[in-house]
C-alpha atoms as a PDB file:
ATOM      1  CA  MET A   1     -35.577   7.205  78.559  1.00  0.00           C
ATOM      2  CA  LEU A   2     -33.154  10.031  79.371  1.00  0.00           C
ATOM      3  CA  PHE A   3     -34.059  11.402  82.788  1.00  0.00           C
ATOM      4  CA  LYS A   4     -32.157  12.616  85.856  1.00  0.00           C
ATOM      5  CA  ARG A   5     -28.750  13.750  84.660  1.00  0.00           C
ATOM      6  CA  ILE A   6     -25.779  12.657  86.739  1.00  0.00           C
ATOM      7  CA  CYS A   7     -22.152  13.739  86.665  1.00  0.00           C
ATOM      8  CA  THR A   8     -18.951  13.108  88.631  1.00  0.00           C
ATOM      9  CA  ILE A   9     -15.499  14.651  88.266  1.00  0.00           C
ATOM     10  CA  THR A  10     -12.276  13.263  89.694  1.00  0.00           C
ATOM     11  CA  VAL A  11      -9.143  15.408  89.830  1.00  0.00           C
ATOM     12  CA  GLY A  12      -5.622  14.342  90.744  1.00  0.00           C
ATOM     13  CA  ASP A  13      -2.928  11.746  90.306  1.00  0.00           C
ATOM     14  CA  PRO A  14      -4.805   8.437  89.885  1.00  0.00           C
ATOM     15  CA  LYS A  15      -2.098   6.654  91.893  1.00  0.00           C
ATOM     16  CA  GLN A  16      -2.682   8.889  94.904  1.00  0.00           C
ATOM     17  CA  ASN A  17      -5.567  10.522  96.746  1.00  0.00           C
ATOM     18  CA  ASN A  18      -8.040  12.322  94.507  1.00  0.00           C
ATOM     19  CA  ILE A  19     -10.573  15.064  94.988  1.00  0.00           C
ATOM     20  CA  MET A  20     -14.076  14.370  93.652  1.00  0.00           C
ATOM     21  CA  PHE A  21     -17.091  16.511  92.796  1.00  0.00           C
ATOM     22  CA  ASP A  22     -20.567  15.441  91.695  1.00  0.00           C
ATOM     23  CA  GLN A  23     -23.879  16.936  90.577  1.00  0.00           C
ATOM     24  CA  ASN A  24     -24.450  18.377  94.069  1.00  0.00           C
ATOM     25  CA  PHE A  25     -22.177  21.121  92.729  1.00  0.00           C
ATOM     26  CA  ARG A  26     -23.077  23.098  89.655  1.00  0.00           C
ATOM     27  CA  ILE A  27     -20.786  21.807  86.919  1.00  0.00           C
ATOM     28  CA  SER A  28     -20.582  22.866  83.276  1.00  0.00           C
ATOM     29  CA  PHE A  29     -18.364  21.222  80.689  1.00  0.00           C
ATOM     30  CA  ASN A  30     -17.163  21.843  77.154  1.00  0.00           C
ATOM     31  CA  ILE A  31     -15.274  18.746  76.006  1.00  0.00           C
ATOM     32  CA  ASN A  32     -13.507  18.690  72.630  1.00  0.00           C
ATOM     33  CA  LYS A  33     -12.044  15.705  70.783  1.00  0.00           C
ATOM     34  CA  ASN A  34     -10.785  15.328  67.227  1.00  0.00           C
ATOM     35  CA  LEU A  35      -8.614  13.138  65.007  1.00  0.00           C
ATOM     36  CA  LEU A  36      -5.671  15.532  65.099  1.00  0.00           C
ATOM     37  CA  SER A  37      -2.615  14.736  67.198  1.00  0.00           C
ATOM     38  CA  THR A  38      -2.386  18.367  68.360  1.00  0.00           C
ATOM     39  CA  PRO A  39      -3.899  18.649  71.859  1.00  0.00           C
ATOM     40  CA  LYS A  40      -7.425  20.037  71.886  1.00  0.00           C
ATOM     41  CA  VAL A  41      -8.419  22.205  74.871  1.00  0.00           C
ATOM     42  CA  SER A  42     -11.431  21.210  76.987  1.00  0.00           C
ATOM     43  CA  THR A  43     -12.809  23.114  79.977  1.00  0.00           C
ATOM     44  CA  VAL A  44     -14.811  22.266  83.067  1.00  0.00           C
ATOM     45  CA  ASP A  45     -16.343  24.905  85.351  1.00  0.00           C
ATOM     46  CA  ILE A  46     -17.217  24.115  88.963  1.00  0.00           C
ATOM     47  CA  TYR A  47     -19.273  26.659  90.879  1.00  0.00           C
ATOM     48  CA  ASN A  48     -18.828  27.901  94.432  1.00  0.00           C
ATOM     49  CA  LEU A  49     -16.157  25.600  95.782  1.00  0.00           C
ATOM     50  CA  THR A  50     -14.958  26.262  99.302  1.00  0.00           C
ATOM     51  CA  LYS A  51     -11.609  27.977  99.731  1.00  0.00           C
ATOM     52  CA  ASP A  52     -10.150  24.683 100.983  1.00  0.00           C
ATOM     53  CA  SER A  53     -11.228  22.899  97.778  1.00  0.00           C
ATOM     54  CA  ARG A  54      -9.830  25.700  95.625  1.00  0.00           C
ATOM     55  CA  ASP A  55      -6.539  25.510  97.517  1.00  0.00           C
ATOM     56  CA  ARG A  56      -6.351  21.747  96.998  1.00  0.00           C
ATOM     57  CA  LEU A  57      -6.840  22.202  93.264  1.00  0.00           C
ATOM     58  CA  LYS A  58      -4.061  24.791  93.253  1.00  0.00           C
ATOM     59  CA  GLU A  59      -1.767  22.305  94.992  1.00  0.00           C
ATOM     60  CA  ILE A  60      -2.572  19.692  92.353  1.00  0.00           C
ATOM     61  CA  LEU A  61      -1.590  22.082  89.565  1.00  0.00           C
ATOM     62  CA  GLN A  62       1.620  23.075  91.317  1.00  0.00           C
ATOM     63  CA  LYS A  63       2.554  19.425  91.703  1.00  0.00           C
ATOM     64  CA  ASN A  64       1.866  18.847  88.006  1.00  0.00           C
ATOM     65  CA  SER A  65       4.168  21.751  87.122  1.00  0.00           C
ATOM     66  CA  SER A  66       6.953  20.763  89.482  1.00  0.00           C
ATOM     67  CA  GLY A  67       8.689  18.434  87.030  1.00  0.00           C
ATOM     68  CA  SER A  68       8.432  15.555  89.486  1.00  0.00           C
ATOM     69  CA  GLY A  69       6.863  13.342  86.844  1.00  0.00           C
ATOM     70  CA  SER A  70       3.462  13.308  88.525  1.00  0.00           C
ATOM     71  CA  LYS A  71       0.589  14.057  86.164  1.00  0.00           C
ATOM     72  CA  SER A  72      -2.695  15.621  87.243  1.00  0.00           C
ATOM     73  CA  LEU A  73      -5.684  14.198  85.438  1.00  0.00           C
ATOM     74  CA  LEU A  74      -9.295  15.271  85.201  1.00  0.00           C
ATOM     75  CA  THR A  75     -11.788  12.485  84.575  1.00  0.00           C
ATOM     76  CA  ILE A  76     -15.454  13.222  83.992  1.00  0.00           C
ATOM     77  CA  TYR A  77     -18.292  10.709  83.930  1.00  0.00           C
ATOM     78  CA  ALA A  78     -21.756  11.816  82.876  1.00  0.00           C
ATOM     79  CA  GLY A  79     -25.062  10.365  81.775  1.00  0.00           C
ATOM     80  CA  TYR A  80     -28.662   9.741  82.719  1.00  0.00           C
ATOM     81  CA  GLU A  81     -29.810   7.728  85.712  1.00  0.00           C
ATOM     82  CA  GLN A  82     -32.818   6.406  83.769  1.00  0.00           C
ATOM     83  CA  GLY A  83     -30.565   5.351  80.906  1.00  0.00           C
ATOM     84  CA  ASP A  84     -27.078   3.878  80.783  1.00  0.00           C
ATOM     85  CA  GLY A  85     -26.003   5.673  83.960  1.00  0.00           C
ATOM     86  CA  LEU A  86     -22.577   7.238  84.375  1.00  0.00           C
ATOM     87  CA  GLN A  87     -20.275   6.762  81.383  1.00  0.00           C
ATOM     88  CA  LEU A  88     -16.756   7.976  80.733  1.00  0.00           C
ATOM     89  CA  LEU A  89     -16.953  11.288  78.918  1.00  0.00           C
ATOM     90  CA  TYR A  90     -13.359  12.500  79.074  1.00  0.00           C
ATOM     91  CA  THR A  91      -9.958  12.059  80.664  1.00  0.00           C
ATOM     92  CA  GLY A  92      -7.269  14.678  80.129  1.00  0.00           C
ATOM     93  CA  TYR A  93      -4.302  16.467  81.668  1.00  0.00           C
ATOM     94  CA  ILE A  94      -4.941  19.606  83.687  1.00  0.00           C
ATOM     95  CA  LYS A  95      -2.977  22.519  82.243  1.00  0.00           C
ATOM     96  CA  HIS A  96      -4.451  25.455  84.164  1.00  0.00           C
ATOM     97  CA  VAL A  97      -6.755  26.079  87.113  1.00  0.00           C
ATOM     98  CA  TYR A  98      -8.106  29.573  87.691  1.00  0.00           C
ATOM     99  CA  ASN A  99     -10.933  31.273  89.558  1.00  0.00           C
ATOM    100  CA  ARG A 100     -13.161  34.170  88.626  1.00  0.00           C
ATOM    101  CA  LYS A 101     -16.055  35.955  90.284  1.00  0.00           C
ATOM    102  CA  GLU A 102     -19.418  36.422  88.612  1.00  0.00           C
ATOM    103  CA  PRO A 103     -21.452  37.589  91.630  1.00  0.00           C
ATOM    104  CA  PRO A 104     -22.905  35.834  93.471  1.00  0.00           C
ATOM    105  CA  ASP A 105     -20.829  32.924  92.086  1.00  0.00           C
ATOM    106  CA  VAL A 106     -17.166  32.010  92.283  1.00  0.00           C
ATOM    107  CA  ILE A 107     -16.331  29.846  89.264  1.00  0.00           C
ATOM    108  CA  THR A 108     -13.320  27.533  89.142  1.00  0.00           C
ATOM    109  CA  THR A 109     -12.229  26.616  85.619  1.00  0.00           C
ATOM    110  CA  LEU A 110     -10.065  23.612  84.830  1.00  0.00           C
ATOM    111  CA  SER A 111      -8.458  23.798  81.391  1.00  0.00           C
ATOM    112  CA  CYS A 112      -7.329  20.415  80.066  1.00  0.00           C
ATOM    113  CA  VAL A 113      -5.765  18.770  77.016  1.00  0.00           C
ATOM    114  CA  ASN A 114      -5.984  15.204  75.699  1.00  0.00           C
ATOM    115  CA  VAL A 115      -2.253  14.607  76.105  1.00  0.00           C
ATOM    116  CA  ASP A 116       0.626  16.502  77.684  1.00  0.00           C
ATOM    117  CA  PHE A 117       3.406  16.719  75.075  1.00  0.00           C
ATOM    118  CA  ASP A 118       5.265  19.444  76.972  1.00  0.00           C
ATOM    119  CA  LYS A 119       8.894  18.462  77.600  1.00  0.00           C
ATOM    120  CA  SER A 120       8.153  14.901  76.489  1.00  0.00           C
ATOM    121  CA  TYR A 121      11.213  13.412  74.828  1.00  0.00           C
ATOM    122  CA  CYS A 122      12.140   9.818  74.118  1.00  0.00           C
ATOM    123  CA  SER A 123      14.997   7.706  72.878  1.00  0.00           C
ATOM    124  CA  MET A 124      14.170   4.324  71.379  1.00  0.00           C
ATOM    125  CA  SER A 125      15.934   1.697  69.333  1.00  0.00           C
ATOM    126  CA  PHE A 126      14.541  -1.499  67.786  1.00  0.00           C
ATOM    127  CA  GLY A 127      16.352  -4.267  65.970  1.00  0.00           C
ATOM    128  CA  PRO A 128      15.772  -5.457  62.368  1.00  0.00           C
ATOM    129  CA  GLY A 129      12.352  -6.910  61.646  1.00  0.00           C
ATOM    130  CA  VAL A 130      10.458  -4.870  64.250  1.00  0.00           C
ATOM    131  CA  SER A 131       6.802  -4.095  63.515  1.00  0.00           C
ATOM    132  CA  THR A 132       5.630  -0.492  63.676  1.00  0.00           C
ATOM    133  CA  ASN A 133       2.857  -1.455  66.081  1.00  0.00           C
ATOM    134  CA  VAL A 134       5.564  -2.394  68.611  1.00  0.00           C
ATOM    135  CA  ALA A 135       7.053   1.078  68.209  1.00  0.00           C
ATOM    136  CA  GLN A 136       3.633   2.745  68.589  1.00  0.00           C
ATOM    137  CA  LYS A 137       2.864   0.848  71.779  1.00  0.00           C
ATOM    138  CA  ASP A 138       6.272   1.855  73.120  1.00  0.00           C
ATOM    139  CA  GLN A 139       5.515   5.491  72.290  1.00  0.00           C
ATOM    140  CA  ALA A 140       2.326   5.273  74.346  1.00  0.00           C
ATOM    141  CA  LYS A 141       4.329   4.020  77.316  1.00  0.00           C
ATOM    142  CA  ARG A 142       6.717   6.965  76.936  1.00  0.00           C
ATOM    143  CA  LEU A 143       3.696   9.224  77.462  1.00  0.00           C
ATOM    144  CA  HIS A 144       2.643   7.119  80.471  1.00  0.00           C
ATOM    145  CA  ILE A 145      -0.592   6.103  78.758  1.00  0.00           C
ATOM    146  CA  ASP A 146      -2.083   2.895  77.354  1.00  0.00           C
ATOM    147  CA  THR A 147      -2.927   1.952  73.772  1.00  0.00           C
ATOM    148  CA  ASP A 148      -6.646   2.171  73.028  1.00  0.00           C
ATOM    149  CA  SER A 149      -8.200  -1.277  72.511  1.00  0.00           C
ATOM    150  CA  ALA A 150     -10.219   0.232  69.652  1.00  0.00           C
ATOM    151  CA  SER A 151      -7.021   0.922  67.681  1.00  0.00           C
ATOM    152  CA  ASP A 152      -6.588  -0.733  64.294  1.00  0.00           C
ATOM    153  CA  PHE A 153      -2.990  -1.770  63.574  1.00  0.00           C
ATOM    154  CA  SER A 154      -3.803  -3.415  60.234  1.00  0.00           C
ATOM    155  CA  ASN A 155      -1.530  -0.931  58.422  1.00  0.00           C
ATOM    156  CA  ALA A 156       1.499  -2.000  60.460  1.00  0.00           C
ATOM    157  CA  VAL A 157       4.678  -2.527  58.468  1.00  0.00           C
ATOM    158  CA  THR A 158       7.842  -4.476  59.214  1.00  0.00           C
ATOM    159  CA  LEU A 159      11.006  -2.388  59.374  1.00  0.00           C
ATOM    160  CA  ALA A 160      13.686  -4.596  57.875  1.00  0.00           C
ATOM    161  CA  ASN A 161      16.530  -2.414  59.139  1.00  0.00           C
ATOM    162  CA  GLY A 162      15.010  -1.740  62.549  1.00  0.00           C
ATOM    163  CA  HIS A 163      14.196   1.695  63.883  1.00  0.00           C
ATOM    164  CA  ALA A 164      15.959   4.258  66.052  1.00  0.00           C
ATOM    165  CA  TYR A 165      14.778   7.679  67.200  1.00  0.00           C
ATOM    166  CA  ALA A 166      15.700  10.363  69.728  1.00  0.00           C
ATOM    167  CA  GLY A 167      13.762  13.580  70.145  1.00  0.00           C
ATOM    168  CA  PRO A 168      10.279  14.912  70.995  1.00  0.00           C
ATOM    169  CA  THR A 169       7.777  12.101  71.594  1.00  0.00           C
ATOM    170  CA  LYS A 170       5.168  13.870  69.461  1.00  0.00           C
ATOM    171  CA  ASP A 171       7.510  13.774  66.454  1.00  0.00           C
ATOM    172  CA  ALA A 172       8.134  10.067  67.045  1.00  0.00           C
ATOM    173  CA  ILE A 173       4.378   9.429  67.012  1.00  0.00           C
ATOM    174  CA  ASP A 174       3.861  11.513  63.871  1.00  0.00           C
ATOM    175  CA  ASN A 175       6.748   9.798  62.050  1.00  0.00           C
ATOM    176  CA  THR A 176       5.442   6.300  62.776  1.00  0.00           C
ATOM    177  CA  ALA A 177       1.959   7.367  61.713  1.00  0.00           C
ATOM    178  CA  LYS A 178       3.356   8.432  58.333  1.00  0.00           C
ATOM    179  CA  MET A 179       5.133   5.089  57.941  1.00  0.00           C
ATOM    180  CA  THR A 180       1.823   3.268  58.375  1.00  0.00           C
ATOM    181  CA  ASN A 181      -0.446   5.780  56.600  1.00  0.00           C
ATOM    182  CA  SER A 182      -2.436   6.030  59.803  1.00  0.00           C
ATOM    183  CA  THR A 183      -4.026   8.706  61.936  1.00  0.00           C
ATOM    184  CA  VAL A 184      -2.843   8.702  65.533  1.00  0.00           C
ATOM    185  CA  THR A 185      -4.605  10.644  68.257  1.00  0.00           C
ATOM    186  CA  VAL A 186      -5.079  10.493  72.014  1.00  0.00           C
ATOM    187  CA  GLU A 187      -8.560   9.969  73.421  1.00  0.00           C
ATOM    188  CA  ASP A 188      -9.246   9.715  77.144  1.00  0.00           C
ATOM    189  CA  ASN A 189      -5.595   9.177  77.999  1.00  0.00           C
ATOM    190  CA  LYS A 190      -5.101   6.374  75.470  1.00  0.00           C
ATOM    191  CA  LEU A 191      -3.223   6.336  72.161  1.00  0.00           C
ATOM    192  CA  LYS A 192      -5.592   5.485  69.300  1.00  0.00           C
ATOM    193  CA  VAL A 193      -4.289   4.339  65.892  1.00  0.00           C
ATOM    194  CA  ILE A 194      -6.623   4.293  62.860  1.00  0.00           C
ATOM    195  CA  PRO A 195      -5.629   3.609  59.217  1.00  0.00           C
ATOM    196  CA  LYS A 196      -6.424   6.638  57.065  1.00  0.00           C
ATOM    197  CA  GLY A 197      -9.846   6.440  55.473  1.00  0.00           C
ATOM    198  CA  LYS A 198     -11.001   3.732  57.896  1.00  0.00           C
ATOM    199  CA  HIS A 199     -12.688   3.648  61.291  1.00  0.00           C
ATOM    200  CA  SER A 200     -11.732   2.583  64.793  1.00  0.00           C
ATOM    201  CA  LYS A 201     -12.925  -0.644  66.380  1.00  0.00           C
ATOM    202  CA  ASP A 202     -15.298   1.182  68.721  1.00  0.00           C
ATOM    203  CA  ALA A 203     -18.840  -0.186  68.732  1.00  0.00           C
ATOM    204  CA  ILE A 204     -21.149   1.409  66.173  1.00  0.00           C
ATOM    205  CA  VAL A 205     -23.669   3.879  67.642  1.00  0.00           C
ATOM    206  CA  ASP A 206     -27.202   4.198  66.247  1.00  0.00           C
ATOM    207  CA  VAL A 207     -28.506   7.762  65.956  1.00  0.00           C
ATOM    208  CA  SER A 208     -32.116   8.605  65.123  1.00  0.00           C
ATOM    209  CA  ILE A 209     -35.011  10.647  66.494  1.00  0.00           C
ATOM    210  CA  THR A 210     -35.846   7.795  68.881  1.00  0.00           C
ATOM    211  CA  THR A 211     -32.278   7.591  70.225  1.00  0.00           C
ATOM    212  CA  GLY A 212     -31.733  11.315  70.833  1.00  0.00           C
ATOM    213  CA  LEU A 213     -31.104  13.038  67.478  1.00  0.00           C
ATOM    214  CA  ILE A 214     -31.836  16.758  67.789  1.00  0.00           C
ATOM    215  CA  GLY A 215     -33.168  18.441  64.653  1.00  0.00           C
ATOM    216  CA  SER A 216     -31.850  17.536  61.211  1.00  0.00           C
ATOM    217  CA  PRO A 217     -28.240  16.815  60.234  1.00  0.00           C
ATOM    218  CA  GLU A 218     -26.470  19.852  58.776  1.00  0.00           C
ATOM    219  CA  LYS A 219     -24.453  19.552  55.593  1.00  0.00           C
ATOM    220  CA  ILE A 220     -20.799  20.530  55.931  1.00  0.00           C
ATOM    221  CA  GLU A 221     -19.797  21.802  52.513  1.00  0.00           C
ATOM    222  CA  ASN A 222     -16.269  21.233  51.254  1.00  0.00           C
ATOM    223  CA  GLN A 223     -14.667  21.043  54.703  1.00  0.00           C
ATOM    224  CA  GLY A 224     -11.204  20.742  53.223  1.00  0.00           C
ATOM    225  CA  THR A 225      -8.458  18.182  53.536  1.00  0.00           C
ATOM    226  CA  ASP A 226      -9.176  16.316  56.759  1.00  0.00           C
ATOM    227  CA  ALA A 227      -6.849  14.540  59.130  1.00  0.00           C
ATOM    228  CA  ASP A 228      -7.776  11.165  57.722  1.00  0.00           C
ATOM    229  CA  THR A 229      -7.341  11.378  53.952  1.00  0.00           C
ATOM    230  CA  SER A 230      -5.693  13.516  51.291  1.00  0.00           C
ATOM    231  CA  LYS A 231      -9.064  14.199  49.661  1.00  0.00           C
ATOM    232  CA  ILE A 232     -11.406  17.147  50.044  1.00  0.00           C
ATOM    233  CA  LYS A 233     -14.845  15.898  51.017  1.00  0.00           C
ATOM    234  CA  ASP A 234     -18.208  16.948  52.399  1.00  0.00           C
ATOM    235  CA  GLY A 235     -19.624  15.762  55.681  1.00  0.00           C
ATOM    236  CA  TRP A 236     -22.541  16.050  58.086  1.00  0.00           C
ATOM    237  CA  LYS A 237     -22.873  17.749  61.456  1.00  0.00           C
ATOM    238  CA  ILE A 238     -25.304  16.210  63.922  1.00  0.00           C
ATOM    239  CA  LYS A 239     -26.554  17.066  67.403  1.00  0.00           C
ATOM    240  CA  VAL A 240     -27.789  14.453  69.859  1.00  0.00           C
ATOM    241  CA  PHE A 241     -28.614  14.358  73.538  1.00  0.00           C
ATOM    242  CA  LEU A 242     -25.379  13.623  75.398  1.00  0.00           C
ATOM    243  CA  GLN A 243     -23.920  10.387  73.999  1.00  0.00           C
ATOM    244  CA  PRO A 244     -20.564   9.354  75.513  1.00  0.00           C
ATOM    245  CA  LYS A 245     -20.547   6.166  73.411  1.00  0.00           C
ATOM    246  CA  ILE A 246     -19.687   8.178  70.293  1.00  0.00           C
ATOM    247  CA  ARG A 247     -15.901   7.944  70.025  1.00  0.00           C
ATOM    248  CA  ILE A 248     -13.306   9.579  67.809  1.00  0.00           C
ATOM    249  CA  GLY A 249     -12.939   7.610  64.571  1.00  0.00           C
ATOM    250  CA  GLY A 250     -15.927   5.486  65.548  1.00  0.00           C
ATOM    251  CA  ARG A 251     -18.895   4.676  63.327  1.00  0.00           C
ATOM    252  CA  ILE A 252     -22.306   6.298  63.652  1.00  0.00           C
ATOM    253  CA  ASN A 253     -25.354   4.790  61.951  1.00  0.00           C
ATOM    254  CA  ILE A 254     -27.498   7.839  61.160  1.00  0.00           C
ATOM    255  CA  ASP A 255     -31.176   7.339  60.356  1.00  0.00           C
ATOM    256  CA  SER A 256     -32.829  10.675  59.634  1.00  0.00           C
ATOM    257  CA  GLU A 257     -34.985  12.405  57.046  1.00  0.00           C
ATOM    258  CA  PRO A 258     -32.158  13.915  54.932  1.00  0.00           C
ATOM    259  CA  ILE A 259     -29.553  11.168  55.326  1.00  0.00           C
ATOM    260  CA  LYS A 260     -29.245   7.488  56.138  1.00  0.00           C
ATOM    261  CA  GLY A 261     -26.006   5.574  56.373  1.00  0.00           C
ATOM    262  CA  VAL A 262     -22.846   4.903  58.325  1.00  0.00           C
ATOM    263  CA  PHE A 263     -20.488   7.785  59.040  1.00  0.00           C
ATOM    264  CA  ILE A 264     -17.236   8.290  60.969  1.00  0.00           C
ATOM    265  CA  ALA A 265     -16.834  10.778  63.829  1.00  0.00           C
ATOM    266  CA  ASP A 266     -14.156  13.335  62.894  1.00  0.00           C
ATOM    267  CA  SER A 267     -14.693  15.685  65.823  1.00  0.00           C
ATOM    268  CA  ILE A 268     -16.804  15.530  68.967  1.00  0.00           C
ATOM    269  CA  ASN A 269     -17.981  18.320  71.265  1.00  0.00           C
ATOM    270  CA  HIS A 270     -19.774  17.400  74.519  1.00  0.00           C
ATOM    271  CA  VAL A 271     -21.450  20.367  76.237  1.00  0.00           C
ATOM    272  CA  GLY A 272     -23.609  20.532  79.336  1.00  0.00           C
ATOM    273  CA  ASP A 273     -24.499  22.283  82.564  1.00  0.00           C
ATOM    274  CA  THR A 274     -25.961  20.516  85.594  1.00  0.00           C
ATOM    275  CA  ALA A 275     -28.032  23.616  86.396  1.00  0.00           C
ATOM    276  CA  HIS A 276     -29.956  24.092  83.160  1.00  0.00           C
ATOM    277  CA  GLY A 277     -30.222  23.436  79.428  1.00  0.00           C
ATOM    278  CA  ASP A 278     -29.865  20.278  77.373  1.00  0.00           C
ATOM    279  CA  TRP A 279     -26.729  18.157  77.488  1.00  0.00           C
ATOM    280  CA  GLN A 280     -25.617  17.748  73.899  1.00  0.00           C
ATOM    281  CA  THR A 281     -23.040  15.950  71.800  1.00  0.00           C
ATOM    282  CA  ILE A 282     -22.205  17.736  68.543  1.00  0.00           C
ATOM    283  CA  VAL A 283     -20.396  15.589  65.971  1.00  0.00           C
ATOM    284  CA  GLU A 284     -18.822  16.366  62.621  1.00  0.00           C
ATOM    285  CA  THR A 285     -18.706  13.270  60.457  1.00  0.00           C
ATOM    286  CA  LYS A 286     -17.592  11.924  57.102  1.00  0.00           C
ATOM    287  CA  GLU A 287     -18.843   8.929  55.154  1.00  0.00           C
ATOM    288  CA  ALA A 288     -17.470   5.548  56.128  1.00  0.00           C
ATOM    289  CA  GLN A 289     -15.762   3.558  53.412  1.00  0.00           C
ATOM    290  CA  THR A 290     -17.392   0.289  52.503  1.00  0.00           C
END
């Protein structure tokens, strides 16, 4: 049963004091995730904060832009009290904070990305016989993030002559991904590695009318070359009541009138407003390989 929506937002450097908001404020969110390594913008609106709270948020952004190495994160948990409770929906870097007036409301918008590649450079060198998964884990550390436990390193290769690189961290990540024929993305402040054409190790999520499917799946015709294969393929777009358990590259077991089977999440869009309307997760999928 999905009743009584709950939501909390934490803003700040996780190693220091944070500022927190919950459903006592009006909060709306538009969270975007996909399999591409290019940062995807997500936004959170918080209504009618006090001037002191708005000033604190401004200080957080200024600290993030100071070059001191401190990173300002936004973490949002959401869910249903008569369900699984609060679940992690998104963690990302705050890029901009701005305020606007829509009388009688003052709306504070936090614009975030999955990973902050700006001015991120690295220099790394590994001896002969190093595995690419060692290099990928090192790249995550250079971004001050962890490696996602749902990553699949089965495409790792051994580099007989070792590996050396100096330059933008994003290029280092992309180069290693090509070596291993893998897709590499960042989800919730963690580096996720998935062999092309395969799925992550996230738990499979069942989707049907009884578990929150809204309407019928929509056919996505000829969506073009995706981030995961070199083939052009069709897919399905589904809408469900907010489901944080659906993860990028994860499997979804869809049981509906037009389609039944296991599919992989290519892109995820979580949308909601604590004041009104349904909380939804919109997913574009492709068929999972057997």
